[in-house]
Amino acid sequence: MKKYILLTASLFFVAFSFAQNVLNQNPFQADQDDPHKMNNVYGKNQHFKKKVVLLSPLREADVMWSRKIWRDIDLKQKINHPLYYPQDPTKQAATVDRDNLFTVLYNAATMNGEVSISAYDAKAGADDEFKVPMTATDLIALMEGTPKVVYYENSYGDGDSLDFNGDRVQQIYDDEGVKINFRDGGIRQSDIKKWRIKEQWFFDKQRSVMDVRIIGLCPIAEERDESNKLNGKINMLCWFYFPEVRNVIRNAQVFNLVKNEAENRTFEDIFMKRMFSSTIVKEGNVFDRKIEDYMVGLDALLEAERIKTDIFNIEHDLWEY
């Protein structure tokens, strides 16, 4: 009987001590292993520790049919806003737990992130075939421009100011004493309004499914003229190899448009689950031309829909009822 009394008392004291430890814990105390905990009332590890899910193995002998497709994702469409926001050029009000898609990939390609990836030149004749890799320095110069030296003008407006030695005076600070970093070129991240994706559709007879896998991603920025106004032209910045990019975007959280932050997603979820809106701009063809090269306006949209319908009909025709 004494044994049962001692056992019951021991369990009571253990449970009481554990309850005291739980009650004494501060739910808002920062955790060294979870830097995002201060931004939430609970620790969120669902996305930040997510691993890459391996795709089904694919053999050449099992591919009965395939076709490459190029699409444009317009970030001005509401469903695509998670790829564009947040936008914070000052870097002073950035959200703690998420960035926009380009910022995530730019940091990884310039080796500012935990995982490093490669960017490929979109203008070196290689286009979307990932032949010419860009260095981190090249990508930084493309986005931030190259340093530029500016000199003070004299009060007469007829030339640069000179010091006692006759040398031109370099302008480093503005009138309020704030240091200025003059640069030639550069692109605003807010001007990246589209993403082009290169993907391959195929029918896998081993699994009897029509499937698609993304090959590459390319940010597209709107160009500005000398007066800093948009001129209607676009600038394809670089290509990212999607199988490599997955190692970065699998842990990059995005906002849930359903407004349930407990079920936020990652960029990998958006692309792998096809949770975006896009328009077909090119299919593999003998001329290697885009739709805009032979169709314009409404005809181009109808041609994009025709290509989409063709893919659906090919899958449908492979089945027998």
C-alpha atoms as a PDB file:
ATOM      1  CA  MET A   1       0.000   0.000   0.000  1.00  0.00           C
ATOM      2  CA  LYS A   2       2.879   2.337   0.889  1.00  0.00           C
ATOM      3  CA  LYS A   3       4.396   1.701  -2.531  1.00  0.00           C
ATOM      4  CA  TYR A   4       1.221   2.881  -4.259  1.00  0.00           C
ATOM      5  CA  ILE A   5       1.072   5.990  -2.069  1.00  0.00           C
ATOM      6  CA  LEU A   6       4.710   6.850  -2.811  1.00  0.00           C
ATOM      7  CA  LEU A   7       4.205   6.250  -6.550  1.00  0.00           C
ATOM      8  CA  THR A   8       1.107   8.465  -6.648  1.00  0.00           C
ATOM      9  CA  ALA A   9       2.869  11.227  -4.733  1.00  0.00           C
ATOM     10  CA  SER A  10       5.890  11.076  -7.041  1.00  0.00           C
ATOM     11  CA  LEU A  11       3.727  11.355 -10.151  1.00  0.00           C
ATOM     12  CA  PHE A  12       1.875  14.287  -8.603  1.00  0.00           C
ATOM     13  CA  PHE A  13       5.067  16.200  -7.843  1.00  0.00           C
ATOM     14  CA  VAL A  14       6.499  15.505 -11.355  1.00  0.00           C
ATOM     15  CA  ALA A  15       3.315  16.699 -13.046  1.00  0.00           C
ATOM     16  CA  PHE A  16       3.168  19.773 -10.794  1.00  0.00           C
ATOM     17  CA  SER A  17       6.790  20.686 -11.577  1.00  0.00           C
ATOM     18  CA  PHE A  18       6.249  20.283 -15.329  1.00  0.00           C
ATOM     19  CA  ALA A  19       3.140  22.466 -15.170  1.00  0.00           C
ATOM     20  CA  GLN A  20       5.086  25.173 -13.350  1.00  0.00           C
ATOM     21  CA  ASN A  21       7.811  25.114 -16.029  1.00  0.00           C
ATOM     22  CA  VAL A  22       5.237  25.472 -18.796  1.00  0.00           C
ATOM     23  CA  LEU A  23       3.413  28.311 -17.030  1.00  0.00           C
ATOM     24  CA  ASN A  24       6.653  30.137 -16.307  1.00  0.00           C
ATOM     25  CA  GLN A  25       7.749  30.074 -19.954  1.00  0.00           C
ATOM     26  CA  ASN A  26       7.524  33.339 -21.876  1.00  0.00           C
ATOM     27  CA  PRO A  27       5.704  32.629 -25.171  1.00  0.00           C
ATOM     28  CA  PHE A  28       7.306  35.696 -26.772  1.00  0.00           C
ATOM     29  CA  GLN A  29      10.854  34.842 -25.778  1.00  0.00           C
ATOM     30  CA  ALA A  30      13.161  34.617 -28.809  1.00  0.00           C
ATOM     31  CA  ASP A  31      14.534  31.213 -29.720  1.00  0.00           C
ATOM     32  CA  GLN A  32      18.076  31.056 -31.105  1.00  0.00           C
ATOM     33  CA  ASP A  33      17.069  28.232 -33.455  1.00  0.00           C
ATOM     34  CA  ASP A  34      13.948  30.058 -34.682  1.00  0.00           C
ATOM     35  CA  PRO A  35      14.685  33.674 -35.716  1.00  0.00           C
ATOM     36  CA  HIS A  36      11.074  34.136 -36.871  1.00  0.00           C
ATOM     37  CA  LYS A  37       9.504  33.357 -33.487  1.00  0.00           C
ATOM     38  CA  MET A  38       9.483  37.000 -32.387  1.00  0.00           C
ATOM     39  CA  ASN A  39       7.125  37.724 -35.284  1.00  0.00           C
ATOM     40  CA  ASN A  40       4.591  35.095 -34.139  1.00  0.00           C
ATOM     41  CA  VAL A  41       3.091  33.846 -30.908  1.00  0.00           C
ATOM     42  CA  TYR A  42       4.323  30.342 -31.714  1.00  0.00           C
ATOM     43  CA  GLY A  43       7.300  28.792 -33.474  1.00  0.00           C
ATOM     44  CA  LYS A  44       6.790  28.208 -37.196  1.00  0.00           C
ATOM     45  CA  ASN A  45       9.003  25.514 -38.686  1.00  0.00           C
ATOM     46  CA  GLN A  46       6.717  24.001 -41.316  1.00  0.00           C
ATOM     47  CA  HIS A  47       8.329  25.832 -44.232  1.00  0.00           C
ATOM     48  CA  PHE A  48      11.727  26.867 -42.904  1.00  0.00           C
ATOM     49  CA  LYS A  49      12.812  23.244 -42.418  1.00  0.00           C
ATOM     50  CA  LYS A  50      11.067  21.822 -45.471  1.00  0.00           C
ATOM     51  CA  LYS A  51      13.060  19.445 -47.690  1.00  0.00           C
ATOM     52  CA  VAL A  52      12.939  19.036 -51.464  1.00  0.00           C
ATOM     53  CA  VAL A  53      10.501  16.322 -52.512  1.00  0.00           C
ATOM     54  CA  LEU A  54      12.090  14.034 -55.087  1.00  0.00           C
ATOM     55  CA  LEU A  55      10.295  13.805 -58.426  1.00  0.00           C
ATOM     56  CA  SER A  56       9.275  10.525 -60.014  1.00  0.00           C
ATOM     57  CA  PRO A  57      12.142   8.949 -61.987  1.00  0.00           C
ATOM     58  CA  LEU A  58      11.796   9.437 -65.721  1.00  0.00           C
ATOM     59  CA  ARG A  59      13.362   7.302 -68.446  1.00  0.00           C
ATOM     60  CA  GLU A  60      13.698   8.320 -72.063  1.00  0.00           C
ATOM     61  CA  ALA A  61      12.079   5.032 -73.114  1.00  0.00           C
ATOM     62  CA  ASP A  62       8.931   5.911 -71.139  1.00  0.00           C
ATOM     63  CA  VAL A  63       8.376   9.310 -72.774  1.00  0.00           C
ATOM     64  CA  MET A  64       5.965   8.786 -75.670  1.00  0.00           C
ATOM     65  CA  TRP A  65       5.455  12.482 -76.462  1.00  0.00           C
ATOM     66  CA  SER A  66       6.922  15.787 -75.266  1.00  0.00           C
ATOM     67  CA  ARG A  67       6.816  19.466 -76.144  1.00  0.00           C
ATOM     68  CA  LYS A  68       8.547  22.535 -74.720  1.00  0.00           C
ATOM     69  CA  ILE A  69       6.381  25.512 -73.793  1.00  0.00           C
ATOM     70  CA  TRP A  70       7.311  29.073 -72.770  1.00  0.00           C
ATOM     71  CA  ARG A  71       4.908  31.090 -70.591  1.00  0.00           C
ATOM     72  CA  ASP A  72       4.775  34.616 -69.194  1.00  0.00           C
ATOM     73  CA  ILE A  73       3.559  35.144 -65.633  1.00  0.00           C
ATOM     74  CA  ASP A  74       2.117  38.662 -65.342  1.00  0.00           C
ATOM     75  CA  LEU A  75       2.720  39.867 -61.786  1.00  0.00           C
ATOM     76  CA  LYS A  76       0.023  42.527 -62.135  1.00  0.00           C
ATOM     77  CA  GLN A  77      -2.609  39.808 -61.913  1.00  0.00           C
ATOM     78  CA  LYS A  78      -3.932  39.328 -58.393  1.00  0.00           C
ATOM     79  CA  ILE A  79      -3.259  35.589 -58.229  1.00  0.00           C
ATOM     80  CA  ASN A  80       0.427  36.279 -59.009  1.00  0.00           C
ATOM     81  CA  HIS A  81       0.908  38.994 -56.360  1.00  0.00           C
ATOM     82  CA  PRO A  82       2.689  36.617 -53.922  1.00  0.00           C
ATOM     83  CA  LEU A  83       5.548  36.468 -56.458  1.00  0.00           C
ATOM     84  CA  TYR A  84       5.868  40.277 -56.591  1.00  0.00           C
ATOM     85  CA  TYR A  85       5.369  41.434 -53.009  1.00  0.00           C
ATOM     86  CA  PRO A  86       6.722  42.579 -50.608  1.00  0.00           C
ATOM     87  CA  GLN A  87       8.486  45.506 -52.316  1.00  0.00           C
ATOM     88  CA  ASP A  88      10.819  47.484 -50.059  1.00  0.00           C
ATOM     89  CA  PRO A  89      13.544  49.414 -51.943  1.00  0.00           C
ATOM     90  CA  THR A  90      14.741  51.108 -48.725  1.00  0.00           C
ATOM     91  CA  LYS A  91      15.267  47.753 -46.952  1.00  0.00           C
ATOM     92  CA  GLN A  92      13.992  49.383 -43.750  1.00  0.00           C
ATOM     93  CA  ALA A  93      10.482  47.959 -43.499  1.00  0.00           C
ATOM     94  CA  ALA A  94      11.053  44.495 -44.931  1.00  0.00           C
ATOM     95  CA  THR A  95       8.962  41.689 -43.532  1.00  0.00           C
ATOM     96  CA  VAL A  96      10.838  39.306 -41.271  1.00  0.00           C
ATOM     97  CA  ASP A  97       9.702  35.999 -42.709  1.00  0.00           C
ATOM     98  CA  ARG A  98       9.297  36.562 -46.448  1.00  0.00           C
ATOM     99  CA  ASP A  99      10.654  38.319 -49.560  1.00  0.00           C
ATOM    100  CA  ASN A 100       9.504  38.512 -53.155  1.00  0.00           C
ATOM    101  CA  LEU A 101      10.672  35.857 -55.612  1.00  0.00           C
ATOM    102  CA  PHE A 102      13.390  37.921 -57.279  1.00  0.00           C
ATOM    103  CA  THR A 103      14.902  39.019 -53.966  1.00  0.00           C
ATOM    104  CA  VAL A 104      15.144  35.389 -52.832  1.00  0.00           C
ATOM    105  CA  LEU A 105      16.877  34.272 -56.043  1.00  0.00           C
ATOM    106  CA  TYR A 106      19.054  37.397 -56.274  1.00  0.00           C
ATOM    107  CA  ASN A 107      20.380  36.887 -52.754  1.00  0.00           C
ATOM    108  CA  ALA A 108      21.129  33.235 -53.515  1.00  0.00           C
ATOM    109  CA  ALA A 109      22.837  34.045 -56.846  1.00  0.00           C
ATOM    110  CA  THR A 110      24.971  36.799 -55.274  1.00  0.00           C
ATOM    111  CA  MET A 111      25.898  34.487 -52.396  1.00  0.00           C
ATOM    112  CA  ASN A 112      24.022  36.511 -49.780  1.00  0.00           C
ATOM    113  CA  GLY A 113      21.741  33.611 -48.904  1.00  0.00           C
ATOM    114  CA  GLU A 114      22.213  30.319 -47.108  1.00  0.00           C
ATOM    115  CA  VAL A 115      22.129  28.384 -50.412  1.00  0.00           C
ATOM    116  CA  SER A 116      24.050  29.497 -53.518  1.00  0.00           C
ATOM    117  CA  ILE A 117      22.682  29.121 -57.054  1.00  0.00           C
ATOM    118  CA  SER A 118      23.850  30.157 -60.534  1.00  0.00           C
ATOM    119  CA  ALA A 119      22.367  32.724 -62.894  1.00  0.00           C
ATOM    120  CA  TYR A 120      22.779  32.459 -66.680  1.00  0.00           C
ATOM    121  CA  ASP A 121      23.117  35.273 -69.181  1.00  0.00           C
ATOM    122  CA  ALA A 122      19.942  35.924 -71.168  1.00  0.00           C
ATOM    123  CA  LYS A 123      21.686  38.126 -73.771  1.00  0.00           C
ATOM    124  CA  ALA A 124      24.876  36.257 -74.656  1.00  0.00           C
ATOM    125  CA  GLY A 125      23.362  34.233 -77.489  1.00  0.00           C
ATOM    126  CA  ALA A 126      22.664  31.398 -75.073  1.00  0.00           C
ATOM    127  CA  ASP A 127      19.138  32.628 -74.285  1.00  0.00           C
ATOM    128  CA  ASP A 128      17.331  29.959 -72.260  1.00  0.00           C
ATOM    129  CA  GLU A 129      19.739  27.057 -72.732  1.00  0.00           C
ATOM    130  CA  PHE A 130      21.874  27.874 -69.675  1.00  0.00           C
ATOM    131  CA  LYS A 131      25.185  27.995 -71.556  1.00  0.00           C
ATOM    132  CA  VAL A 132      26.756  31.212 -70.239  1.00  0.00           C
ATOM    133  CA  PRO A 133      26.836  31.466 -66.428  1.00  0.00           C
ATOM    134  CA  MET A 134      26.974  34.897 -64.798  1.00  0.00           C
ATOM    135  CA  THR A 135      29.210  35.694 -61.858  1.00  0.00           C
ATOM    136  CA  ALA A 136      27.832  37.343 -58.731  1.00  0.00           C
ATOM    137  CA  THR A 137      29.663  40.537 -59.765  1.00  0.00           C
ATOM    138  CA  ASP A 138      27.982  40.520 -63.186  1.00  0.00           C
ATOM    139  CA  LEU A 139      24.532  40.128 -61.660  1.00  0.00           C
ATOM    140  CA  ILE A 140      25.131  42.865 -59.094  1.00  0.00           C
ATOM    141  CA  ALA A 141      26.352  45.242 -61.841  1.00  0.00           C
ATOM    142  CA  LEU A 142      23.271  44.416 -63.910  1.00  0.00           C
ATOM    143  CA  MET A 143      20.872  45.229 -61.085  1.00  0.00           C
ATOM    144  CA  GLU A 144      22.700  48.009 -59.221  1.00  0.00           C
ATOM    145  CA  GLY A 145      24.670  49.552 -62.074  1.00  0.00           C
ATOM    146  CA  THR A 146      28.347  50.520 -62.159  1.00  0.00           C
ATOM    147  CA  PRO A 147      29.929  53.256 -59.974  1.00  0.00           C
ATOM    148  CA  LYS A 148      29.897  56.732 -61.501  1.00  0.00           C
ATOM    149  CA  VAL A 149      31.984  59.780 -60.570  1.00  0.00           C
ATOM    150  CA  VAL A 150      30.104  63.108 -60.438  1.00  0.00           C
ATOM    151  CA  TYR A 151      31.755  66.509 -59.928  1.00  0.00           C
ATOM    152  CA  TYR A 152      30.402  69.724 -58.421  1.00  0.00           C
ATOM    153  CA  GLU A 153      29.553  72.536 -60.827  1.00  0.00           C
ATOM    154  CA  ASN A 154      30.763  76.060 -60.119  1.00  0.00           C
ATOM    155  CA  SER A 155      28.379  78.847 -59.278  1.00  0.00           C
ATOM    156  CA  TYR A 156      28.705  80.301 -62.798  1.00  0.00           C
ATOM    157  CA  GLY A 157      27.309  77.175 -64.446  1.00  0.00           C
ATOM    158  CA  ASP A 158      30.081  77.038 -67.053  1.00  0.00           C
ATOM    159  CA  GLY A 159      32.073  74.074 -65.767  1.00  0.00           C
ATOM    160  CA  ASP A 160      33.135  71.947 -62.835  1.00  0.00           C
ATOM    161  CA  SER A 161      34.321  73.402 -59.556  1.00  0.00           C
ATOM    162  CA  LEU A 162      38.082  73.362 -59.042  1.00  0.00           C
ATOM    163  CA  ASP A 163      40.106  73.278 -55.854  1.00  0.00           C
ATOM    164  CA  PHE A 164      43.295  75.294 -55.144  1.00  0.00           C
ATOM    165  CA  ASN A 165      45.339  72.787 -57.129  1.00  0.00           C
ATOM    166  CA  GLY A 166      43.092  73.091 -60.175  1.00  0.00           C
ATOM    167  CA  ASP A 167      41.599  69.622 -59.728  1.00  0.00           C
ATOM    168  CA  ARG A 168      37.897  69.013 -60.136  1.00  0.00           C
ATOM    169  CA  VAL A 169      35.975  68.589 -56.885  1.00  0.00           C
ATOM    170  CA  GLN A 170      34.199  65.256 -56.674  1.00  0.00           C
ATOM    171  CA  GLN A 171      30.651  65.294 -55.323  1.00  0.00           C
ATOM    172  CA  ILE A 172      30.281  62.729 -52.557  1.00  0.00           C
ATOM    173  CA  TYR A 173      27.626  64.282 -50.321  1.00  0.00           C
ATOM    174  CA  ASP A 174      24.404  66.102 -51.100  1.00  0.00           C
ATOM    175  CA  ASP A 175      23.405  69.492 -49.720  1.00  0.00           C
ATOM    176  CA  GLU A 176      22.174  67.893 -46.489  1.00  0.00           C
ATOM    177  CA  GLY A 177      25.419  65.983 -45.892  1.00  0.00           C
ATOM    178  CA  VAL A 178      24.084  62.596 -46.941  1.00  0.00           C
ATOM    179  CA  LYS A 179      26.532  60.420 -48.852  1.00  0.00           C
ATOM    180  CA  ILE A 180      25.493  59.752 -52.461  1.00  0.00           C
ATOM    181  CA  ASN A 181      26.331  56.635 -54.422  1.00  0.00           C
ATOM    182  CA  PHE A 182      26.170  57.628 -58.098  1.00  0.00           C
ATOM    183  CA  ARG A 183      25.824  54.689 -60.500  1.00  0.00           C
ATOM    184  CA  ASP A 184      25.282  54.189 -64.235  1.00  0.00           C
ATOM    185  CA  GLY A 185      22.503  51.812 -65.221  1.00  0.00           C
ATOM    186  CA  GLY A 186      20.825  49.542 -62.735  1.00  0.00           C
ATOM    187  CA  ILE A 187      17.299  48.174 -62.575  1.00  0.00           C
ATOM    188  CA  ARG A 188      14.594  48.711 -60.009  1.00  0.00           C
ATOM    189  CA  GLN A 189      13.257  45.486 -58.576  1.00  0.00           C
ATOM    190  CA  SER A 190       9.776  47.021 -58.653  1.00  0.00           C
ATOM    191  CA  ASP A 191      10.056  47.176 -62.470  1.00  0.00           C
ATOM    192  CA  ILE A 192      10.227  43.369 -62.691  1.00  0.00           C
ATOM    193  CA  LYS A 193       6.582  42.846 -63.656  1.00  0.00           C
ATOM    194  CA  LYS A 194       6.829  39.462 -65.407  1.00  0.00           C
ATOM    195  CA  TRP A 195       8.512  36.083 -65.125  1.00  0.00           C
ATOM    196  CA  ARG A 196       9.081  33.836 -68.125  1.00  0.00           C
ATOM    197  CA  ILE A 197       9.109  30.125 -67.446  1.00  0.00           C
ATOM    198  CA  LYS A 198      10.404  27.402 -69.710  1.00  0.00           C
ATOM    199  CA  GLU A 199       8.741  24.046 -69.162  1.00  0.00           C
ATOM    200  CA  GLN A 200       8.404  20.662 -70.809  1.00  0.00           C
ATOM    201  CA  TRP A 201       5.172  18.720 -71.134  1.00  0.00           C
ATOM    202  CA  PHE A 202       5.428  14.961 -71.652  1.00  0.00           C
ATOM    203  CA  PHE A 203       3.397  11.768 -71.462  1.00  0.00           C
ATOM    204  CA  ASP A 204       4.947   9.127 -69.221  1.00  0.00           C
ATOM    205  CA  LYS A 205       3.669   5.700 -70.292  1.00  0.00           C
ATOM    206  CA  GLN A 206       5.172   4.073 -67.198  1.00  0.00           C
ATOM    207  CA  ARG A 207       2.772   6.045 -64.975  1.00  0.00           C
ATOM    208  CA  SER A 208       0.184   6.703 -67.714  1.00  0.00           C
ATOM    209  CA  VAL A 209       0.059  10.435 -66.987  1.00  0.00           C
ATOM    210  CA  MET A 210       0.526  13.695 -68.831  1.00  0.00           C
ATOM    211  CA  ASP A 211       3.024  15.620 -66.717  1.00  0.00           C
ATOM    212  CA  VAL A 212       4.926  18.907 -66.816  1.00  0.00           C
ATOM    213  CA  ARG A 213       8.199  20.024 -65.281  1.00  0.00           C
ATOM    214  CA  ILE A 214       9.629  23.535 -65.193  1.00  0.00           C
ATOM    215  CA  ILE A 215      13.143  23.910 -66.600  1.00  0.00           C
ATOM    216  CA  GLY A 216      13.966  27.572 -66.091  1.00  0.00           C
ATOM    217  CA  LEU A 217      12.813  30.945 -64.732  1.00  0.00           C
ATOM    218  CA  CYS A 218      13.626  34.373 -66.162  1.00  0.00           C
ATOM    219  CA  PRO A 219      12.714  37.755 -64.596  1.00  0.00           C
ATOM    220  CA  ILE A 220      11.544  40.378 -67.093  1.00  0.00           C
ATOM    221  CA  ALA A 221      11.853  44.087 -66.233  1.00  0.00           C
ATOM    222  CA  GLU A 222      10.271  47.086 -67.909  1.00  0.00           C
ATOM    223  CA  GLU A 223      12.897  49.440 -69.349  1.00  0.00           C
ATOM    224  CA  ARG A 224      13.164  53.157 -68.578  1.00  0.00           C
ATOM    225  CA  ASP A 225      14.480  55.938 -70.811  1.00  0.00           C
ATOM    226  CA  GLU A 226      16.956  58.693 -69.934  1.00  0.00           C
ATOM    227  CA  SER A 227      14.204  60.690 -68.204  1.00  0.00           C
ATOM    228  CA  ASN A 228      13.471  57.679 -65.984  1.00  0.00           C
ATOM    229  CA  LYS A 229      10.114  56.981 -67.630  1.00  0.00           C
ATOM    230  CA  LEU A 230       8.927  53.587 -68.851  1.00  0.00           C
ATOM    231  CA  ASN A 231       9.413  53.286 -72.621  1.00  0.00           C
ATOM    232  CA  GLY A 232       7.326  50.156 -73.257  1.00  0.00           C
ATOM    233  CA  LYS A 233      10.300  47.852 -73.882  1.00  0.00           C
ATOM    234  CA  ILE A 234      11.209  44.810 -71.805  1.00  0.00           C
ATOM    235  CA  ASN A 235      14.549  43.550 -70.554  1.00  0.00           C
ATOM    236  CA  MET A 236      15.129  39.845 -69.928  1.00  0.00           C
ATOM    237  CA  LEU A 237      17.625  39.872 -67.064  1.00  0.00           C
ATOM    238  CA  CYS A 238      18.902  36.325 -66.578  1.00  0.00           C
ATOM    239  CA  TRP A 239      17.855  32.683 -66.406  1.00  0.00           C
ATOM    240  CA  PHE A 240      17.721  30.484 -63.327  1.00  0.00           C
ATOM    241  CA  TYR A 241      17.813  26.681 -63.638  1.00  0.00           C
ATOM    242  CA  PHE A 242      14.676  25.525 -61.834  1.00  0.00           C
ATOM    243  CA  PRO A 243      15.904  22.131 -60.476  1.00  0.00           C
ATOM    244  CA  GLU A 244      18.698  24.085 -58.776  1.00  0.00           C
ATOM    245  CA  VAL A 245      16.365  26.880 -57.677  1.00  0.00           C
ATOM    246  CA  ARG A 246      14.159  24.407 -55.787  1.00  0.00           C
ATOM    247  CA  ASN A 247      16.831  24.165 -53.092  1.00  0.00           C
ATOM    248  CA  VAL A 248      16.214  27.854 -52.328  1.00  0.00           C
ATOM    249  CA  ILE A 249      12.494  28.421 -52.866  1.00  0.00           C
ATOM    250  CA  ARG A 250      11.460  25.366 -50.819  1.00  0.00           C
ATOM    251  CA  ASN A 251      12.040  27.390 -47.639  1.00  0.00           C
ATOM    252  CA  ALA A 252      10.969  30.817 -48.967  1.00  0.00           C
ATOM    253  CA  GLN A 253       7.565  31.581 -47.483  1.00  0.00           C
ATOM    254  CA  VAL A 254       4.900  33.555 -49.370  1.00  0.00           C
ATOM    255  CA  PHE A 255       1.654  35.135 -48.247  1.00  0.00           C
ATOM    256  CA  ASN A 256      -1.526  33.086 -48.536  1.00  0.00           C
ATOM    257  CA  LEU A 257      -4.099  34.971 -50.617  1.00  0.00           C
ATOM    258  CA  VAL A 258      -6.872  33.217 -48.678  1.00  0.00           C
ATOM    259  CA  LYS A 259      -5.665  35.355 -45.731  1.00  0.00           C
ATOM    260  CA  ASN A 260      -4.827  32.442 -43.471  1.00  0.00           C
ATOM    261  CA  GLU A 261      -1.243  32.951 -42.338  1.00  0.00           C
ATOM    262  CA  ALA A 262      -1.268  29.613 -40.524  1.00  0.00           C
ATOM    263  CA  GLU A 263      -1.357  28.007 -43.987  1.00  0.00           C
ATOM    264  CA  ASN A 264       1.197  30.137 -45.798  1.00  0.00           C
ATOM    265  CA  ARG A 265       2.959  28.491 -48.715  1.00  0.00           C
ATOM    266  CA  THR A 266       6.392  28.566 -50.282  1.00  0.00           C
ATOM    267  CA  PHE A 267       7.430  29.525 -53.805  1.00  0.00           C
ATOM    268  CA  GLU A 268       8.027  25.845 -54.495  1.00  0.00           C
ATOM    269  CA  ASP A 269       4.382  25.139 -53.654  1.00  0.00           C
ATOM    270  CA  ILE A 270       3.247  27.808 -56.106  1.00  0.00           C
ATOM    271  CA  PHE A 271       5.265  26.406 -59.010  1.00  0.00           C
ATOM    272  CA  MET A 272       4.922  22.686 -58.322  1.00  0.00           C
ATOM    273  CA  LYS A 273       1.159  22.934 -57.699  1.00  0.00           C
ATOM    274  CA  ARG A 274       0.680  25.342 -60.650  1.00  0.00           C
ATOM    275  CA  MET A 275      -0.878  28.015 -58.431  1.00  0.00           C
ATOM    276  CA  PHE A 276      -0.254  30.876 -60.869  1.00  0.00           C
ATOM    277  CA  SER A 277      -1.801  32.435 -63.948  1.00  0.00           C
ATOM    278  CA  SER A 278       0.208  32.560 -67.178  1.00  0.00           C
ATOM    279  CA  THR A 279      -0.030  33.028 -70.932  1.00  0.00           C
ATOM    280  CA  ILE A 280       1.742  30.858 -73.492  1.00  0.00           C
ATOM    281  CA  VAL A 281       4.166  32.948 -75.562  1.00  0.00           C
ATOM    282  CA  LYS A 282       5.997  30.216 -77.465  1.00  0.00           C
ATOM    283  CA  GLU A 283       5.978  26.510 -78.263  1.00  0.00           C
ATOM    284  CA  GLY A 284       8.772  24.428 -79.715  1.00  0.00           C
ATOM    285  CA  ASN A 285       8.697  24.930 -83.501  1.00  0.00           C
ATOM    286  CA  VAL A 286      10.937  24.549 -86.527  1.00  0.00           C
ATOM    287  CA  PHE A 287      11.319  28.339 -86.913  1.00  0.00           C
ATOM    288  CA  ASP A 288      12.127  28.865 -83.212  1.00  0.00           C
ATOM    289  CA  ARG A 289       9.819  31.878 -83.199  1.00  0.00           C
ATOM    290  CA  LYS A 290       7.477  33.302 -80.580  1.00  0.00           C
ATOM    291  CA  ILE A 291       3.757  33.766 -81.040  1.00  0.00           C
ATOM    292  CA  GLU A 292       4.255  37.539 -81.233  1.00  0.00           C
ATOM    293  CA  ASP A 293       6.421  37.016 -84.341  1.00  0.00           C
ATOM    294  CA  TYR A 294       3.466  35.839 -86.416  1.00  0.00           C
ATOM    295  CA  MET A 295       0.367  36.863 -84.426  1.00  0.00           C
ATOM    296  CA  VAL A 296      -0.676  40.108 -82.730  1.00  0.00           C
ATOM    297  CA  GLY A 297      -3.437  41.246 -80.408  1.00  0.00           C
ATOM    298  CA  LEU A 298      -6.437  38.971 -80.036  1.00  0.00           C
ATOM    299  CA  ASP A 299      -5.034  36.523 -82.588  1.00  0.00           C
ATOM    300  CA  ALA A 300      -2.003  35.965 -80.342  1.00  0.00           C
ATOM    301  CA  LEU A 301      -4.244  35.153 -77.363  1.00  0.00           C
ATOM    302  CA  LEU A 302      -6.289  32.746 -79.480  1.00  0.00           C
ATOM    303  CA  GLU A 303      -3.087  31.074 -80.683  1.00  0.00           C
ATOM    304  CA  ALA A 304      -1.989  30.603 -77.051  1.00  0.00           C
ATOM    305  CA  GLU A 305      -5.347  28.998 -76.260  1.00  0.00           C
ATOM    306  CA  ARG A 306      -5.005  26.748 -79.305  1.00  0.00           C
ATOM    307  CA  ILE A 307      -1.652  25.453 -78.058  1.00  0.00           C
ATOM    308  CA  LYS A 308      -3.142  24.788 -74.621  1.00  0.00           C
ATOM    309  CA  THR A 309      -6.067  22.920 -76.211  1.00  0.00           C
ATOM    310  CA  ASP A 310      -3.709  20.841 -78.352  1.00  0.00           C
ATOM    311  CA  ILE A 311      -1.900  19.590 -75.241  1.00  0.00           C
ATOM    312  CA  PHE A 312      -5.205  18.661 -73.633  1.00  0.00           C
ATOM    313  CA  ASN A 313      -6.405  16.852 -76.778  1.00  0.00           C
ATOM    314  CA  ILE A 314      -3.163  14.867 -77.093  1.00  0.00           C
ATOM    315  CA  GLU A 315      -3.617  13.522 -73.570  1.00  0.00           C
ATOM    316  CA  HIS A 316      -7.302  12.838 -74.193  1.00  0.00           C
ATOM    317  CA  ASP A 317      -6.639  10.973 -77.448  1.00  0.00           C
ATOM    318  CA  LEU A 318      -4.191   8.607 -75.748  1.00  0.00           C
ATOM    319  CA  TRP A 319      -6.986   7.056 -73.701  1.00  0.00           C
ATOM    320  CA  GLU A 320      -9.484   4.447 -74.914  1.00  0.00           C
ATOM    321  CA  TYR A 321     -12.992   4.113 -73.541  1.00  0.00           C
END
